Amino acid sequence: MAKPNDFDIPRIFYFESMNIFTGSRGNLNFRIVPEGDKMTVYIWHGFICSELTEMEDSHEFALTKEGHGEMLAWLESVYSA
């Protein structure tokens, strides 16, 4: 599956199927959880898995193509900060 972004995140249809995705870029880790008509992105830094760490932040996005683009832009802004 082609992934057209620096975070290597799947396209929107992956999340429309209610699949959870976890990944990282540098020291930034993220977990994307779709539920209903939204997806929530949780972030943390470090080398501890999501089940054992305290989340630093989260943000909700619409489970749409536009929401997917907004999610990528938000992750890029968090990563660049």
C-alpha atoms as a PDB file:
ATOM      1  CA  MET A   1       0.000   0.000   0.000  1.00  0.00           C
ATOM      2  CA  ALA A   2       1.437   3.381  -0.981  1.00  0.00           C
ATOM      3  CA  LYS A   3       1.800   5.870   1.858  1.00  0.00           C
ATOM      4  CA  PRO A   4       2.219   9.437   0.589  1.00  0.00           C
ATOM      5  CA  ASN A   5       3.591  11.189   3.671  1.00  0.00           C
ATOM      6  CA  ASP A   6       6.679  11.486   5.866  1.00  0.00           C
ATOM      7  CA  PHE A   7       4.963   9.691   8.757  1.00  0.00           C
ATOM      8  CA  ASP A   8       4.278   6.610   6.637  1.00  0.00           C
ATOM      9  CA  ILE A   9       0.608   6.705   7.667  1.00  0.00           C
ATOM     10  CA  PRO A  10      -1.883   4.714   5.577  1.00  0.00           C
ATOM     11  CA  ARG A  11      -4.540   6.468   3.530  1.00  0.00           C
ATOM     12  CA  ILE A  12      -8.021   7.218   4.867  1.00  0.00           C
ATOM     13  CA  PHE A  13      -9.638   3.912   3.805  1.00  0.00           C
ATOM     14  CA  TYR A  14      -7.385   2.103   6.317  1.00  0.00           C
ATOM     15  CA  PHE A  15      -9.017   4.054   9.146  1.00  0.00           C
ATOM     16  CA  GLU A  16     -12.520   3.846   7.638  1.00  0.00           C
ATOM     17  CA  SER A  17     -12.157   0.094   8.224  1.00  0.00           C
ATOM     18  CA  MET A  18     -11.620   0.904  11.932  1.00  0.00           C
ATOM     19  CA  ASN A  19      -7.962  -0.161  11.945  1.00  0.00           C
ATOM     20  CA  ILE A  20      -5.668   1.298  14.623  1.00  0.00           C
ATOM     21  CA  PHE A  21      -2.245   2.511  13.512  1.00  0.00           C
ATOM     22  CA  THR A  22       0.830   3.137  15.642  1.00  0.00           C
ATOM     23  CA  GLY A  23       4.041   4.677  14.362  1.00  0.00           C
ATOM     24  CA  SER A  24       6.871   7.074  14.983  1.00  0.00           C
ATOM     25  CA  ARG A  25       9.061   9.657  13.348  1.00  0.00           C
ATOM     26  CA  GLY A  26      12.278  10.477  15.138  1.00  0.00           C
ATOM     27  CA  ASN A  27      11.490  10.609  18.848  1.00  0.00           C
ATOM     28  CA  LEU A  28       7.780  11.393  18.270  1.00  0.00           C
ATOM     29  CA  ASN A  29       5.431   8.438  18.659  1.00  0.00           C
ATOM     30  CA  PHE A  30       1.764   8.387  17.716  1.00  0.00           C
ATOM     31  CA  ARG A  31      -1.260   6.116  17.890  1.00  0.00           C
ATOM     32  CA  ILE A  32      -4.280   6.738  15.642  1.00  0.00           C
ATOM     33  CA  VAL A  33      -7.550   5.246  16.866  1.00  0.00           C
ATOM     34  CA  PRO A  34     -10.656   5.498  14.658  1.00  0.00           C
ATOM     35  CA  GLU A  35     -14.036   5.349  16.374  1.00  0.00           C
ATOM     36  CA  GLY A  36     -17.402   6.253  14.887  1.00  0.00           C
ATOM     37  CA  ASP A  37     -16.997   9.280  12.639  1.00  0.00           C
ATOM     38  CA  LYS A  38     -13.708  10.507  14.133  1.00  0.00           C
ATOM     39  CA  MET A  39     -10.139   9.426  14.709  1.00  0.00           C
ATOM     40  CA  THR A  40      -8.106  10.352  17.751  1.00  0.00           C
ATOM     41  CA  VAL A  41      -4.344  10.779  17.553  1.00  0.00           C
ATOM     42  CA  TYR A  42      -2.337  10.287  20.755  1.00  0.00           C
ATOM     43  CA  ILE A  43       1.292  11.376  20.942  1.00  0.00           C
ATOM     44  CA  TRP A  44       4.263  10.804  23.246  1.00  0.00           C
ATOM     45  CA  HIS A  45       8.053  10.977  23.070  1.00  0.00           C
ATOM     46  CA  GLY A  46      10.595   8.330  23.991  1.00  0.00           C
ATOM     47  CA  PHE A  47      11.109   4.635  23.566  1.00  0.00           C
ATOM     48  CA  ILE A  48       8.272   3.300  25.727  1.00  0.00           C
ATOM     49  CA  CYS A  49       5.272   1.622  24.093  1.00  0.00           C
ATOM     50  CA  SER A  50       1.864   3.297  24.183  1.00  0.00           C
ATOM     51  CA  GLU A  51       0.503   0.921  26.828  1.00  0.00           C
ATOM     52  CA  LEU A  52       3.261   1.818  29.325  1.00  0.00           C
ATOM     53  CA  THR A  53       3.636   5.575  28.852  1.00  0.00           C
ATOM     54  CA  GLU A  54       1.603   8.639  29.704  1.00  0.00           C
ATOM     55  CA  MET A  55       0.230  10.367  26.623  1.00  0.00           C
ATOM     56  CA  GLU A  56       1.484  13.933  26.205  1.00  0.00           C
ATOM     57  CA  ASP A  57      -1.341  15.140  23.975  1.00  0.00           C
ATOM     58  CA  SER A  58      -4.228  14.011  21.803  1.00  0.00           C
ATOM     59  CA  HIS A  59      -6.360  15.543  19.094  1.00  0.00           C
ATOM     60  CA  GLU A  60      -9.524  14.437  17.280  1.00  0.00           C
ATOM     61  CA  PHE A  61     -10.085  14.651  13.544  1.00  0.00           C
ATOM     62  CA  ALA A  62     -13.046  13.847  11.325  1.00  0.00           C
ATOM     63  CA  LEU A  63     -12.855  10.401   9.750  1.00  0.00           C
ATOM     64  CA  THR A  64     -12.782  11.915   6.257  1.00  0.00           C
ATOM     65  CA  LYS A  65     -10.205  12.600   3.578  1.00  0.00           C
ATOM     66  CA  GLU A  66     -10.064  16.217   4.773  1.00  0.00           C
ATOM     67  CA  GLY A  67      -9.657  15.102   8.388  1.00  0.00           C
ATOM     68  CA  HIS A  68      -6.841  12.804   7.314  1.00  0.00           C
ATOM     69  CA  GLY A  69      -5.032  15.751   5.709  1.00  0.00           C
ATOM     70  CA  GLU A  70      -5.584  17.873   8.820  1.00  0.00           C
ATOM     71  CA  MET A  71      -4.186  15.052  10.945  1.00  0.00           C
ATOM     72  CA  LEU A  72      -1.015  14.890   8.838  1.00  0.00           C
ATOM     73  CA  ALA A  73      -0.585  18.681   9.070  1.00  0.00           C
ATOM     74  CA  TRP A  74      -1.058  18.557  12.862  1.00  0.00           C
ATOM     75  CA  LEU A  75       1.494  15.763  13.256  1.00  0.00           C
ATOM     76  CA  GLU A  76       3.963  17.726  11.113  1.00  0.00           C
ATOM     77  CA  SER A  77       3.493  20.816  13.302  1.00  0.00           C
ATOM     78  CA  VAL A  78       3.998  18.766  16.491  1.00  0.00           C
ATOM     79  CA  TYR A  79       7.081  17.111  15.014  1.00  0.00           C
ATOM     80  CA  SER A  80       8.556  20.435  13.880  1.00  0.00           C
ATOM     81  CA  ALA A  81       7.982  22.162  17.263  1.00  0.00           C
END
